[in-house]
Amino acid sequence: MPAERPFRITVTFTPGGPAVSGTWSNPDTAEGKFHEWARSHGGRPGAAVTLWLETPDGLEELRTWTAERGEVVHRETPDAR
């Protein structure tokens, strides 16, 4: 059975400033949380909400939300396994 590939969401409130994050193994849950956090935090100037895929080589950026640009899809969210 393959290992799970967790998804991480980070919210930075100012560029280079404090951040909060959460991790989910289910891609549908992670995307839902990304959009929920984008609605609740992404409208603040300078804030960024980012959905990442955790890989053996590090974090891969999947989606980003900022007030200035809205949602940017860097790569479609893959299945968790």
Protein backbone atom coordinates (compact mmCIF):
# COMPACT_ATOMS: atom_id res chain seq x y z
CA MET A 1 0.00 0.00 0.00
CA PRO A 2 1.53 3.38 -0.99
CA ALA A 3 2.24 5.97 1.67
CA GLU A 4 -0.17 8.87 1.99
CA ARG A 5 0.92 12.18 0.51
CA PRO A 6 -0.33 14.87 2.84
CA PHE A 7 -1.53 18.27 1.74
CA ARG A 8 -0.55 21.36 3.72
CA ILE A 9 -2.21 24.77 3.75
CA THR A 10 -0.40 27.83 5.01
CA VAL A 11 -1.80 31.28 5.65
CA THR A 12 0.70 34.13 5.88
CA PHE A 13 -0.77 37.37 7.12
CA THR A 14 1.98 39.62 5.78
CA PRO A 15 4.81 38.80 3.34
CA GLY A 16 7.49 37.02 5.35
CA GLY A 17 5.40 37.45 8.51
CA PRO A 18 3.64 35.06 10.87
CA ALA A 19 1.84 32.05 9.44
CA VAL A 20 -0.52 29.28 10.47
CA SER A 21 -0.84 25.91 8.79
CA GLY A 22 -2.81 22.70 8.75
CA THR A 23 -2.29 19.30 7.12
CA TRP A 24 -4.83 16.91 5.60
CA SER A 25 -4.41 13.57 3.82
CA ASN A 26 -7.62 13.75 1.77
CA PRO A 27 -7.31 15.96 -1.34
CA ASP A 28 -11.02 16.92 -1.33
CA THR A 29 -10.82 18.00 2.30
CA ALA A 30 -7.61 19.94 1.64
CA GLU A 31 -9.14 21.81 -1.32
CA GLY A 32 -12.26 22.55 0.70
CA LYS A 33 -10.16 23.95 3.55
CA PHE A 34 -8.07 25.96 1.07
CA HIS A 35 -11.19 27.69 -0.26
CA GLU A 36 -12.62 28.14 3.25
CA TRP A 37 -9.38 29.76 4.46
CA ALA A 38 -9.17 31.88 1.28
CA ARG A 39 -12.66 33.25 2.02
CA SER A 40 -11.88 33.93 5.68
CA HIS A 41 -8.29 35.23 5.41
CA GLY A 42 -7.45 35.81 1.74
CA GLY A 43 -9.11 39.21 1.43
CA ARG A 44 -6.62 40.93 3.72
CA PRO A 45 -3.99 42.97 1.89
CA GLY A 46 -0.66 41.15 1.98
CA ALA A 47 -2.14 37.83 3.13
CA ALA A 48 -1.57 34.64 1.13
CA VAL A 49 -3.23 31.22 1.39
CA THR A 50 -1.24 28.40 -0.21
CA LEU A 51 -2.08 24.73 -0.78
CA TRP A 52 1.00 22.51 -0.91
CA LEU A 53 1.62 18.83 -1.64
CA GLU A 54 4.18 17.27 0.68
CA THR A 55 6.59 15.14 -1.38
CA PRO A 56 9.82 13.30 -0.52
CA ASP A 57 11.68 16.24 -2.11
CA GLY A 58 9.84 18.93 -0.12
CA LEU A 59 6.73 21.03 -0.65
CA GLU A 60 5.18 21.47 -4.10
CA GLU A 61 2.95 24.53 -4.52
CA LEU A 62 -0.48 23.63 -5.92
CA ARG A 63 -2.68 26.73 -5.41
CA THR A 64 -2.29 30.23 -4.04
CA TRP A 65 -4.86 32.85 -3.10
CA THR A 66 -4.12 36.54 -2.52
CA ALA A 67 -6.42 39.55 -2.39
CA GLU A 68 -4.45 41.07 -5.24
CA ARG A 69 -4.62 38.11 -7.67
CA GLY A 70 -7.36 35.80 -6.42
CA GLU A 71 -6.77 32.09 -6.97
CA VAL A 72 -3.78 30.95 -9.01
CA VAL A 73 -3.58 27.24 -9.88
CA HIS A 74 0.05 26.16 -10.22
CA ARG A 75 -0.85 22.49 -10.63
CA GLU A 76 -4.07 20.50 -10.29
CA THR A 77 -4.45 18.74 -6.96
CA PRO A 78 -3.51 15.06 -7.42
CA ASP A 79 -5.09 12.11 -5.64
CA ALA A 80 -3.71 11.51 -2.16
CA ARG A 81 -2.13 8.18 -3.12
